[in-house]
Amino acid sequence: MSIDAGPPAQPPQLSPDGNWVWDGSQWQPVASAGAAPVHAGVFKAYDAIVVEPVAPTIEAAPPAVQYEQQYPLPVPDYSYGGSQPDLTPLWQKTKGGGYGRYLYFVAAIALFVMVLIVLSSMNFVQLPFINAGSKASPSQAAAQPSPTPDTSGPDSVRADRFMTGQLRPAFTVFDDTLPGVQRYCTGTLSSSCFDALTAAEQQVKNVAAVIAKADIPSCISVGTAKLKADVKGMNDQLVSALSGFPDNNKYTVQSGVRGFGNYVQAATSDYTATEQAQKKCYTVVLPTWVPY
């Protein structure tokens, strides 16, 4: 190699399709139009150059969509005793600060109580205090005795006023409560039995008040005294029967109902006897003159 030799000649610059060559000032065709596919051009030394078609280039993705290499985040270490974070996913957390479970619990209890009330009304379960506050129907209200008894008139009028106008209406209302006791108080502590006994006790107290405040003539005083004792016995037995419900003691209830029935029979007999004694109140006054 000579030290005086110049730099090697550079090949001419061809167009991408190989049909044009740059002569330094403008593009010149490599071969004439319509001629055979020969590589004649302005530079004869390069006529034999075969230009391969340029393969399509793949443009690089714009910088905005290039992805950087992802590295996993380090897992925090809580072994030093710090508080553990709540890693529960948000969709698995209870809404409302955890009060949802309590609302479901209260709703379940309310539904259970409603079912028990329905079953108790149908006498399938024994819930004596559900209807404990029920009051007697208006048809069970009896006429209250007068605070100041009327003592006017003869014994027959006084006896009739007491037996027909006061005692009989009170016993009539009381008799309306007996079918309920006989129907529901059959050995079970049902709410229907509790209501029947309560209604009967109210009317027994009313009968006792009528006797206590009435004007009773001497002609029926013996029978009335027995009726008063019978009514007190009925009231005591009803109170005893009702006392068995708070303790769920069916034997106390049965004993009280049985004793109440015995006093009802005794009162029925004494009432009939008093009505018979009422006839003695009608005295016949014989005339004091004797015809000649």
C-alpha atoms as a PDB file:
ATOM      1  CA  MET A   1       0.000   0.000   0.000  1.00  0.00           C
ATOM      2  CA  SER A   2       1.278   3.398  -0.934  1.00  0.00           C
ATOM      3  CA  ILE A   3       1.261   6.057   1.650  1.00  0.00           C
ATOM      4  CA  ASP A   4       0.264   8.525  -1.025  1.00  0.00           C
ATOM      5  CA  ALA A   5      -2.871   6.692  -2.032  1.00  0.00           C
ATOM      6  CA  GLY A   6      -6.088   8.541  -1.283  1.00  0.00           C
ATOM      7  CA  PRO A   7      -9.112   7.215   0.527  1.00  0.00           C
ATOM      8  CA  PRO A   8     -11.007   4.430  -1.211  1.00  0.00           C
ATOM      9  CA  ALA A   9     -13.749   5.468  -3.551  1.00  0.00           C
ATOM     10  CA  GLN A  10     -17.260   5.371  -2.112  1.00  0.00           C
ATOM     11  CA  PRO A  11     -20.046   3.635  -4.059  1.00  0.00           C
ATOM     12  CA  PRO A  12     -22.689   5.905  -5.554  1.00  0.00           C
ATOM     13  CA  GLN A  13     -25.829   6.579  -3.608  1.00  0.00           C
ATOM     14  CA  LEU A  14     -28.770   4.646  -5.020  1.00  0.00           C
ATOM     15  CA  SER A  15     -32.437   5.260  -4.476  1.00  0.00           C
ATOM     16  CA  PRO A  16     -34.325   2.691  -2.340  1.00  0.00           C
ATOM     17  CA  ASP A  17     -35.909   1.154  -5.475  1.00  0.00           C
ATOM     18  CA  GLY A  18     -32.512   0.905  -7.237  1.00  0.00           C
ATOM     19  CA  ASN A  19     -33.622   2.848 -10.348  1.00  0.00           C
ATOM     20  CA  TRP A  20     -31.925   6.162  -9.535  1.00  0.00           C
ATOM     21  CA  VAL A  21     -28.440   7.233  -8.565  1.00  0.00           C
ATOM     22  CA  TRP A  22     -27.230  10.498  -7.090  1.00  0.00           C
ATOM     23  CA  ASP A  23     -24.548  12.114  -9.217  1.00  0.00           C
ATOM     24  CA  GLY A  24     -23.724  14.785  -6.712  1.00  0.00           C
ATOM     25  CA  SER A  25     -26.193  17.366  -7.946  1.00  0.00           C
ATOM     26  CA  GLN A  26     -29.305  15.447  -9.046  1.00  0.00           C
ATOM     27  CA  TRP A  27     -30.802  11.987  -9.429  1.00  0.00           C
ATOM     28  CA  GLN A  28     -29.990  10.112 -12.638  1.00  0.00           C
ATOM     29  CA  PRO A  29     -31.788   6.992 -13.917  1.00  0.00           C
ATOM     30  CA  VAL A  30     -29.785   3.817 -13.708  1.00  0.00           C
ATOM     31  CA  ALA A  31     -31.295   2.375 -16.921  1.00  0.00           C
ATOM     32  CA  SER A  32     -33.303   3.968 -19.712  1.00  0.00           C
ATOM     33  CA  ALA A  33     -37.070   3.626 -19.579  1.00  0.00           C
ATOM     34  CA  GLY A  34     -38.373   0.603 -21.489  1.00  0.00           C
ATOM     35  CA  ALA A  35     -34.932  -0.978 -21.842  1.00  0.00           C
ATOM     36  CA  ALA A  36     -34.008  -4.445 -20.762  1.00  0.00           C
ATOM     37  CA  PRO A  37     -33.289  -4.887 -17.086  1.00  0.00           C
ATOM     38  CA  VAL A  38     -29.635  -4.016 -17.337  1.00  0.00           C
ATOM     39  CA  HIS A  39     -27.783  -1.844 -14.949  1.00  0.00           C
ATOM     40  CA  ALA A  40     -26.414   0.804 -17.285  1.00  0.00           C
ATOM     41  CA  GLY A  41     -25.983   4.183 -15.856  1.00  0.00           C
ATOM     42  CA  VAL A  42     -23.710   7.108 -15.612  1.00  0.00           C
ATOM     43  CA  PHE A  43     -21.180   5.071 -13.688  1.00  0.00           C
ATOM     44  CA  LYS A  44     -20.241   2.153 -15.888  1.00  0.00           C
ATOM     45  CA  ALA A  45     -18.301   0.438 -13.193  1.00  0.00           C
ATOM     46  CA  TYR A  46     -21.490  -0.118 -11.244  1.00  0.00           C
ATOM     47  CA  ASP A  47     -23.743  -1.394 -13.986  1.00  0.00           C
ATOM     48  CA  ALA A  48     -23.389  -4.914 -12.749  1.00  0.00           C
ATOM     49  CA  ILE A  49     -24.537  -4.025  -9.284  1.00  0.00           C
ATOM     50  CA  VAL A  50     -27.689  -5.892  -8.399  1.00  0.00           C
ATOM     51  CA  VAL A  51     -29.750  -4.016  -5.913  1.00  0.00           C
ATOM     52  CA  GLU A  52     -31.869  -6.224  -3.714  1.00  0.00           C
ATOM     53  CA  PRO A  53     -35.238  -4.860  -2.684  1.00  0.00           C
ATOM     54  CA  VAL A  54     -35.149  -3.218   0.649  1.00  0.00           C
ATOM     55  CA  ALA A  55     -36.985  -5.132   3.324  1.00  0.00           C
ATOM     56  CA  PRO A  56     -39.652  -3.143   5.114  1.00  0.00           C
ATOM     57  CA  THR A  57     -38.433  -1.695   8.315  1.00  0.00           C
ATOM     58  CA  ILE A  58     -40.299  -1.990  11.585  1.00  0.00           C
ATOM     59  CA  GLU A  59     -40.686   1.291  13.282  1.00  0.00           C
ATOM     60  CA  ALA A  60     -39.913   1.387  16.898  1.00  0.00           C
ATOM     61  CA  ALA A  61     -42.763   2.015  19.277  1.00  0.00           C
ATOM     62  CA  PRO A  62     -43.076   5.604  20.358  1.00  0.00           C
ATOM     63  CA  PRO A  63     -41.522   6.360  23.712  1.00  0.00           C
ATOM     64  CA  ALA A  64     -44.977   6.903  25.262  1.00  0.00           C
ATOM     65  CA  VAL A  65     -45.989   3.274  24.829  1.00  0.00           C
ATOM     66  CA  GLN A  66     -42.677   1.642  25.610  1.00  0.00           C
ATOM     67  CA  TYR A  67     -42.829  -0.468  28.713  1.00  0.00           C
ATOM     68  CA  GLU A  68     -40.228  -0.367  31.312  1.00  0.00           C
ATOM     69  CA  GLN A  69     -39.150  -3.465  33.054  1.00  0.00           C
ATOM     70  CA  GLN A  70     -41.370  -4.107  36.056  1.00  0.00           C
ATOM     71  CA  TYR A  71     -39.809  -5.068  39.335  1.00  0.00           C
ATOM     72  CA  PRO A  72     -41.860  -6.628  42.157  1.00  0.00           C
ATOM     73  CA  LEU A  73     -42.420  -4.350  45.111  1.00  0.00           C
ATOM     74  CA  PRO A  74     -40.686  -5.446  48.265  1.00  0.00           C
ATOM     75  CA  VAL A  75     -42.962  -7.055  50.874  1.00  0.00           C
ATOM     76  CA  PRO A  76     -42.935  -5.008  54.090  1.00  0.00           C
ATOM     77  CA  ASP A  77     -41.572  -6.762  57.119  1.00  0.00           C
ATOM     78  CA  TYR A  78     -43.679  -6.333  60.292  1.00  0.00           C
ATOM     79  CA  SER A  79     -41.681  -8.724  62.392  1.00  0.00           C
ATOM     80  CA  TYR A  80     -40.417  -5.894  64.576  1.00  0.00           C
ATOM     81  CA  GLY A  81     -43.750  -5.766  66.386  1.00  0.00           C
ATOM     82  CA  GLY A  82     -45.564  -3.022  64.520  1.00  0.00           C
ATOM     83  CA  SER A  83     -49.313  -3.157  63.892  1.00  0.00           C
ATOM     84  CA  GLN A  84     -50.387  -5.421  61.064  1.00  0.00           C
ATOM     85  CA  PRO A  85     -52.166  -3.620  58.211  1.00  0.00           C
ATOM     86  CA  ASP A  86     -55.644  -4.691  57.107  1.00  0.00           C
ATOM     87  CA  LEU A  87     -54.996  -6.604  53.877  1.00  0.00           C
ATOM     88  CA  THR A  88     -58.625  -7.649  53.406  1.00  0.00           C
ATOM     89  CA  PRO A  89     -59.917  -6.683  49.934  1.00  0.00           C
ATOM     90  CA  LEU A  90     -62.473  -3.902  49.933  1.00  0.00           C
ATOM     91  CA  TRP A  91     -65.160  -6.088  48.354  1.00  0.00           C
ATOM     92  CA  GLN A  92     -64.872  -8.548  51.232  1.00  0.00           C
ATOM     93  CA  LYS A  93     -65.178  -5.979  54.004  1.00  0.00           C
ATOM     94  CA  THR A  94     -68.485  -5.500  55.839  1.00  0.00           C
ATOM     95  CA  LYS A  95     -70.224  -2.269  54.988  1.00  0.00           C
ATOM     96  CA  GLY A  96     -71.503   0.116  57.641  1.00  0.00           C
ATOM     97  CA  GLY A  97     -68.697  -0.421  60.140  1.00  0.00           C
ATOM     98  CA  GLY A  98     -69.713  -3.980  61.097  1.00  0.00           C
ATOM     99  CA  TYR A  99     -73.293  -3.145  62.167  1.00  0.00           C
ATOM    100  CA  GLY A 100     -74.861  -5.330  59.473  1.00  0.00           C
ATOM    101  CA  ARG A 101     -74.519  -8.520  61.461  1.00  0.00           C
ATOM    102  CA  TYR A 102     -76.293  -6.972  64.448  1.00  0.00           C
ATOM    103  CA  LEU A 103     -79.175  -5.798  62.290  1.00  0.00           C
ATOM    104  CA  TYR A 104     -79.620  -9.314  60.943  1.00  0.00           C
ATOM    105  CA  PHE A 105     -79.575 -10.661  64.509  1.00  0.00           C
ATOM    106  CA  VAL A 106     -82.256  -8.222  65.710  1.00  0.00           C
ATOM    107  CA  ALA A 107     -84.410  -8.935  62.654  1.00  0.00           C
ATOM    108  CA  ALA A 108     -84.168 -12.676  63.317  1.00  0.00           C
ATOM    109  CA  ILE A 109     -85.291 -12.210  66.945  1.00  0.00           C
ATOM    110  CA  ALA A 110     -88.229 -10.030  65.878  1.00  0.00           C
ATOM    111  CA  LEU A 111     -89.311 -12.627  63.326  1.00  0.00           C
ATOM    112  CA  PHE A 112     -89.030 -15.394  65.920  1.00  0.00           C
ATOM    113  CA  VAL A 113     -91.209 -13.472  68.396  1.00  0.00           C
ATOM    114  CA  MET A 114     -93.835 -12.836  65.721  1.00  0.00           C
ATOM    115  CA  VAL A 115     -93.960 -16.537  64.897  1.00  0.00           C
ATOM    116  CA  LEU A 116     -94.372 -17.382  68.593  1.00  0.00           C
ATOM    117  CA  ILE A 117     -97.248 -14.907  68.911  1.00  0.00           C
ATOM    118  CA  VAL A 118     -99.038 -16.464  65.946  1.00  0.00           C
ATOM    119  CA  LEU A 119     -98.505 -19.980  67.273  1.00  0.00           C
ATOM    120  CA  SER A 120     -99.648 -18.935  70.749  1.00  0.00           C
ATOM    121  CA  SER A 121    -102.876 -17.510  69.343  1.00  0.00           C
ATOM    122  CA  MET A 122    -103.459 -20.904  67.718  1.00  0.00           C
ATOM    123  CA  ASN A 123    -102.648 -22.691  71.021  1.00  0.00           C
ATOM    124  CA  PHE A 124     -99.653 -24.532  69.548  1.00  0.00           C
ATOM    125  CA  VAL A 125     -97.250 -23.109  72.132  1.00  0.00           C
ATOM    126  CA  GLN A 126     -97.674 -21.960  75.715  1.00  0.00           C
ATOM    127  CA  LEU A 127     -96.969 -18.268  76.167  1.00  0.00           C
ATOM    128  CA  PRO A 128     -99.127 -17.141  79.100  1.00  0.00           C
ATOM    129  CA  PHE A 129     -98.012 -13.515  79.264  1.00  0.00           C
ATOM    130  CA  ILE A 130     -98.360 -12.374  75.652  1.00  0.00           C
ATOM    131  CA  ASN A 131    -101.958 -11.277  76.184  1.00  0.00           C
ATOM    132  CA  ALA A 132    -101.697 -10.745  79.928  1.00  0.00           C
ATOM    133  CA  GLY A 133    -102.654  -7.094  79.575  1.00  0.00           C
ATOM    134  CA  SER A 134    -105.853  -7.749  77.669  1.00  0.00           C
ATOM    135  CA  LYS A 135    -109.004  -6.305  79.127  1.00  0.00           C
ATOM    136  CA  ALA A 136    -112.456  -7.776  79.370  1.00  0.00           C
ATOM    137  CA  SER A 137    -114.780  -7.088  76.464  1.00  0.00           C
ATOM    138  CA  PRO A 138    -117.571  -4.521  76.867  1.00  0.00           C
ATOM    139  CA  SER A 139    -120.138  -7.365  76.977  1.00  0.00           C
ATOM    140  CA  GLN A 140    -118.558  -8.536  80.246  1.00  0.00           C
ATOM    141  CA  ALA A 141    -119.087  -5.243  82.027  1.00  0.00           C
ATOM    142  CA  ALA A 142    -121.615  -5.514  84.838  1.00  0.00           C
ATOM    143  CA  ALA A 143    -123.646  -2.831  86.535  1.00  0.00           C
ATOM    144  CA  GLN A 144    -121.733  -1.449  89.481  1.00  0.00           C
ATOM    145  CA  PRO A 145    -123.553  -1.377  92.846  1.00  0.00           C
ATOM    146  CA  SER A 146    -124.709   1.897  94.219  1.00  0.00           C
ATOM    147  CA  PRO A 147    -122.371   3.352  96.867  1.00  0.00           C
ATOM    148  CA  THR A 148    -125.365   4.151  99.077  1.00  0.00           C
ATOM    149  CA  PRO A 149    -127.804   1.201  99.088  1.00  0.00           C
ATOM    150  CA  ASP A 150    -131.503   1.932  98.931  1.00  0.00           C
ATOM    151  CA  THR A 151    -133.195   0.702 102.128  1.00  0.00           C
ATOM    152  CA  SER A 152    -136.653   1.958 101.362  1.00  0.00           C
ATOM    153  CA  GLY A 153    -139.697  -0.300 101.159  1.00  0.00           C
ATOM    154  CA  PRO A 154    -140.703  -3.528 102.845  1.00  0.00           C
ATOM    155  CA  ASP A 155    -138.480  -6.622 102.964  1.00  0.00           C
ATOM    156  CA  SER A 156    -140.052  -8.119  99.852  1.00  0.00           C
ATOM    157  CA  VAL A 157    -139.212  -5.028  97.807  1.00  0.00           C
ATOM    158  CA  ARG A 158    -135.702  -4.842  99.240  1.00  0.00           C
ATOM    159  CA  ALA A 159    -135.098  -8.533  98.574  1.00  0.00           C
ATOM    160  CA  ASP A 160    -136.360  -8.286  95.008  1.00  0.00           C
ATOM    161  CA  ARG A 161    -134.270  -5.179  94.409  1.00  0.00           C
ATOM    162  CA  PHE A 162    -131.159  -7.053  95.508  1.00  0.00           C
ATOM    163  CA  MET A 163    -131.783 -10.458  93.960  1.00  0.00           C
ATOM    164  CA  THR A 164    -133.315  -9.352  90.652  1.00  0.00           C
ATOM    165  CA  GLY A 165    -131.813  -5.925  90.078  1.00  0.00           C
ATOM    166  CA  GLN A 166    -128.257  -6.394  91.376  1.00  0.00           C
ATOM    167  CA  LEU A 167    -127.142  -9.964  92.129  1.00  0.00           C
ATOM    168  CA  ARG A 168    -128.650 -11.735  89.111  1.00  0.00           C
ATOM    169  CA  PRO A 169    -127.113  -9.354  86.479  1.00  0.00           C
ATOM    170  CA  ALA A 170    -123.703  -9.685  88.150  1.00  0.00           C
ATOM    171  CA  PHE A 171    -123.904 -13.496  88.157  1.00  0.00           C
ATOM    172  CA  THR A 172    -125.107 -13.479  84.518  1.00  0.00           C
ATOM    173  CA  VAL A 173    -121.982 -11.667  83.360  1.00  0.00           C
ATOM    174  CA  PHE A 174    -119.863 -13.948  85.531  1.00  0.00           C
ATOM    175  CA  ASP A 175    -121.449 -17.048  83.970  1.00  0.00           C
ATOM    176  CA  ASP A 176    -120.280 -15.836  80.519  1.00  0.00           C
ATOM    177  CA  THR A 177    -116.652 -16.354  81.589  1.00  0.00           C
ATOM    178  CA  LEU A 178    -117.070 -19.985  82.664  1.00  0.00           C
ATOM    179  CA  PRO A 179    -117.053 -21.561  79.139  1.00  0.00           C
ATOM    180  CA  GLY A 180    -113.609 -20.076  78.492  1.00  0.00           C
ATOM    181  CA  VAL A 181    -112.206 -21.583  81.693  1.00  0.00           C
ATOM    182  CA  GLN A 182    -113.713 -24.976  80.888  1.00  0.00           C
ATOM    183  CA  ARG A 183    -112.446 -24.899  77.303  1.00  0.00           C
ATOM    184  CA  TYR A 184    -108.892 -23.623  77.661  1.00  0.00           C
ATOM    185  CA  CYS A 185    -107.822 -24.593  81.185  1.00  0.00           C
ATOM    186  CA  THR A 186    -107.392 -28.314  80.565  1.00  0.00           C
ATOM    187  CA  GLY A 187    -103.944 -28.834  82.085  1.00  0.00           C
ATOM    188  CA  THR A 188    -101.810 -26.682  79.772  1.00  0.00           C
ATOM    189  CA  LEU A 189    -100.348 -23.255  80.536  1.00  0.00           C
ATOM    190  CA  SER A 190    -101.728 -21.547  77.458  1.00  0.00           C
ATOM    191  CA  SER A 191    -102.331 -17.841  77.025  1.00  0.00           C
ATOM    192  CA  SER A 192    -106.012 -18.563  76.372  1.00  0.00           C
ATOM    193  CA  CYS A 193    -106.321 -20.189  79.809  1.00  0.00           C
ATOM    194  CA  PHE A 194    -104.581 -17.194  81.421  1.00  0.00           C
ATOM    195  CA  ASP A 195    -107.012 -14.788  79.730  1.00  0.00           C
ATOM    196  CA  ALA A 196    -110.044 -16.874  80.731  1.00  0.00           C
ATOM    197  CA  LEU A 197    -108.999 -17.024  84.381  1.00  0.00           C
ATOM    198  CA  THR A 198    -108.263 -13.294  84.426  1.00  0.00           C
ATOM    199  CA  ALA A 199    -111.699 -12.476  82.996  1.00  0.00           C
ATOM    200  CA  ALA A 200    -113.382 -14.760  85.515  1.00  0.00           C
ATOM    201  CA  GLU A 201    -111.494 -13.162  88.408  1.00  0.00           C
ATOM    202  CA  GLN A 202    -112.632  -9.683  87.360  1.00  0.00           C
ATOM    203  CA  GLN A 203    -116.277 -10.704  87.345  1.00  0.00           C
ATOM    204  CA  VAL A 204    -115.957 -12.576  90.666  1.00  0.00           C
ATOM    205  CA  LYS A 205    -114.636  -9.400  92.262  1.00  0.00           C
ATOM    206  CA  ASN A 206    -117.590  -7.531  90.805  1.00  0.00           C
ATOM    207  CA  VAL A 207    -120.054 -10.019  92.351  1.00  0.00           C
ATOM    208  CA  ALA A 208    -118.293  -9.688  95.705  1.00  0.00           C
ATOM    209  CA  ALA A 209    -118.564  -5.876  95.503  1.00  0.00           C
ATOM    210  CA  VAL A 210    -122.282  -6.099  94.700  1.00  0.00           C
ATOM    211  CA  ILE A 211    -122.944  -8.263  97.771  1.00  0.00           C
ATOM    212  CA  ALA A 212    -120.771  -6.085 100.035  1.00  0.00           C
ATOM    213  CA  LYS A 213    -122.594  -2.857  99.147  1.00  0.00           C
ATOM    214  CA  ALA A 214    -126.158  -4.159  98.848  1.00  0.00           C
ATOM    215  CA  ASP A 215    -129.113  -3.694 101.187  1.00  0.00           C
ATOM    216  CA  ILE A 216    -129.944  -7.233 102.283  1.00  0.00           C
ATOM    217  CA  PRO A 217    -133.104  -7.848 104.287  1.00  0.00           C
ATOM    218  CA  SER A 218    -133.068 -10.364 107.087  1.00  0.00           C
ATOM    219  CA  CYS A 219    -135.314 -12.792 105.223  1.00  0.00           C
ATOM    220  CA  ILE A 220    -132.490 -13.685 102.784  1.00  0.00           C
ATOM    221  CA  SER A 221    -129.489 -12.862 104.974  1.00  0.00           C
ATOM    222  CA  VAL A 222    -128.554 -16.523 105.649  1.00  0.00           C
ATOM    223  CA  GLY A 223    -128.464 -17.510 101.976  1.00  0.00           C
ATOM    224  CA  THR A 224    -126.647 -14.302 101.055  1.00  0.00           C
ATOM    225  CA  ALA A 225    -123.965 -14.978 103.671  1.00  0.00           C
ATOM    226  CA  LYS A 226    -123.309 -18.395 102.109  1.00  0.00           C
ATOM    227  CA  LEU A 227    -123.115 -16.817  98.646  1.00  0.00           C
ATOM    228  CA  LYS A 228    -120.627 -14.292  99.952  1.00  0.00           C
ATOM    229  CA  ALA A 229    -118.398 -17.095 101.286  1.00  0.00           C
ATOM    230  CA  ASP A 230    -118.680 -18.992  97.980  1.00  0.00           C
ATOM    231  CA  VAL A 231    -117.680 -15.923  95.985  1.00  0.00           C
ATOM    232  CA  LYS A 232    -114.676 -15.321  98.233  1.00  0.00           C
ATOM    233  CA  GLY A 233    -113.616 -18.958  97.760  1.00  0.00           C
ATOM    234  CA  MET A 234    -113.878 -18.602  93.971  1.00  0.00           C
ATOM    235  CA  ASN A 235    -111.725 -15.492  94.050  1.00  0.00           C
ATOM    236  CA  ASP A 236    -109.073 -17.164  96.226  1.00  0.00           C
ATOM    237  CA  GLN A 237    -108.859 -20.176  93.913  1.00  0.00           C
ATOM    238  CA  LEU A 238    -108.549 -17.983  90.832  1.00  0.00           C
ATOM    239  CA  VAL A 239    -105.737 -15.987  92.420  1.00  0.00           C
ATOM    240  CA  SER A 240    -103.979 -19.250  93.286  1.00  0.00           C
ATOM    241  CA  ALA A 241    -104.375 -20.582  89.746  1.00  0.00           C
ATOM    242  CA  LEU A 242    -103.001 -17.385  88.202  1.00  0.00           C
ATOM    243  CA  SER A 243     -99.985 -17.494  90.524  1.00  0.00           C
ATOM    244  CA  GLY A 244     -98.832 -20.687  88.821  1.00  0.00           C
ATOM    245  CA  PHE A 245     -98.203 -18.992  85.459  1.00  0.00           C
ATOM    246  CA  PRO A 246     -95.092 -16.955  86.410  1.00  0.00           C
ATOM    247  CA  ASP A 247     -93.409 -20.139  87.687  1.00  0.00           C
ATOM    248  CA  ASN A 248     -94.780 -22.331  84.847  1.00  0.00           C
ATOM    249  CA  ASN A 249     -96.275 -24.562  87.540  1.00  0.00           C
ATOM    250  CA  LYS A 250     -99.148 -26.354  85.870  1.00  0.00           C
ATOM    251  CA  TYR A 251    -100.013 -28.252  89.057  1.00  0.00           C
ATOM    252  CA  THR A 252    -100.783 -24.994  90.866  1.00  0.00           C
ATOM    253  CA  VAL A 253    -102.936 -23.897  87.947  1.00  0.00           C
ATOM    254  CA  GLN A 254    -104.799 -27.212  87.836  1.00  0.00           C
ATOM    255  CA  SER A 255    -105.395 -27.179  91.584  1.00  0.00           C
ATOM    256  CA  GLY A 256    -106.730 -23.621  91.472  1.00  0.00           C
ATOM    257  CA  VAL A 257    -109.018 -24.371  88.533  1.00  0.00           C
ATOM    258  CA  ARG A 258    -110.347 -27.463  90.290  1.00  0.00           C
ATOM    259  CA  GLY A 259    -111.035 -25.559  93.505  1.00  0.00           C
ATOM    260  CA  PHE A 260    -112.679 -22.770  91.539  1.00  0.00           C
ATOM    261  CA  GLY A 261    -115.038 -25.271  89.941  1.00  0.00           C
ATOM    262  CA  ASN A 262    -116.039 -26.665  93.329  1.00  0.00           C
ATOM    263  CA  TYR A 263    -116.925 -23.213  94.638  1.00  0.00           C
ATOM    264  CA  VAL A 264    -118.901 -22.485  91.459  1.00  0.00           C
ATOM    265  CA  GLN A 265    -121.082 -25.530  92.165  1.00  0.00           C
ATOM    266  CA  ALA A 266    -121.547 -24.467  95.779  1.00  0.00           C
ATOM    267  CA  ALA A 267    -122.513 -20.938  94.737  1.00  0.00           C
ATOM    268  CA  THR A 268    -125.050 -22.313  92.266  1.00  0.00           C
ATOM    269  CA  SER A 269    -126.746 -24.338  95.012  1.00  0.00           C
ATOM    270  CA  ASP A 270    -126.695 -21.454  97.520  1.00  0.00           C
ATOM    271  CA  TYR A 271    -128.123 -19.040  94.937  1.00  0.00           C
ATOM    272  CA  THR A 272    -131.057 -21.387  94.321  1.00  0.00           C
ATOM    273  CA  ALA A 273    -131.589 -21.727  98.061  1.00  0.00           C
ATOM    274  CA  THR A 274    -131.570 -17.952  98.482  1.00  0.00           C
ATOM    275  CA  GLU A 275    -134.197 -17.558  95.778  1.00  0.00           C
ATOM    276  CA  GLN A 276    -136.371 -20.042  97.660  1.00  0.00           C
ATOM    277  CA  ALA A 277    -135.838 -18.129 100.900  1.00  0.00           C
ATOM    278  CA  GLN A 278    -136.912 -14.922  99.176  1.00  0.00           C
ATOM    279  CA  LYS A 279    -140.480 -16.140  99.272  1.00  0.00           C
ATOM    280  CA  LYS A 280    -140.450 -15.672 103.041  1.00  0.00           C
ATOM    281  CA  CYS A 281    -139.982 -11.975 102.519  1.00  0.00           C
ATOM    282  CA  TYR A 282    -143.574 -11.690 101.274  1.00  0.00           C
ATOM    283  CA  THR A 283    -145.550 -11.682 104.547  1.00  0.00           C
ATOM    284  CA  VAL A 284    -149.315 -11.698 104.678  1.00  0.00           C
ATOM    285  CA  VAL A 285    -150.795  -9.235 107.180  1.00  0.00           C
ATOM    286  CA  LEU A 286    -154.071 -10.541 108.538  1.00  0.00           C
ATOM    287  CA  PRO A 287    -156.783  -8.019 109.289  1.00  0.00           C
ATOM    288  CA  THR A 288    -157.206  -7.067 112.928  1.00  0.00           C
ATOM    289  CA  TRP A 289    -161.003  -6.961 112.786  1.00  0.00           C
ATOM    290  CA  VAL A 290    -163.240 -10.014 113.002  1.00  0.00           C
ATOM    291  CA  PRO A 291    -166.574  -9.939 111.233  1.00  0.00           C
ATOM    292  CA  TYR A 292    -169.642 -10.509 113.408  1.00  0.00           C
END
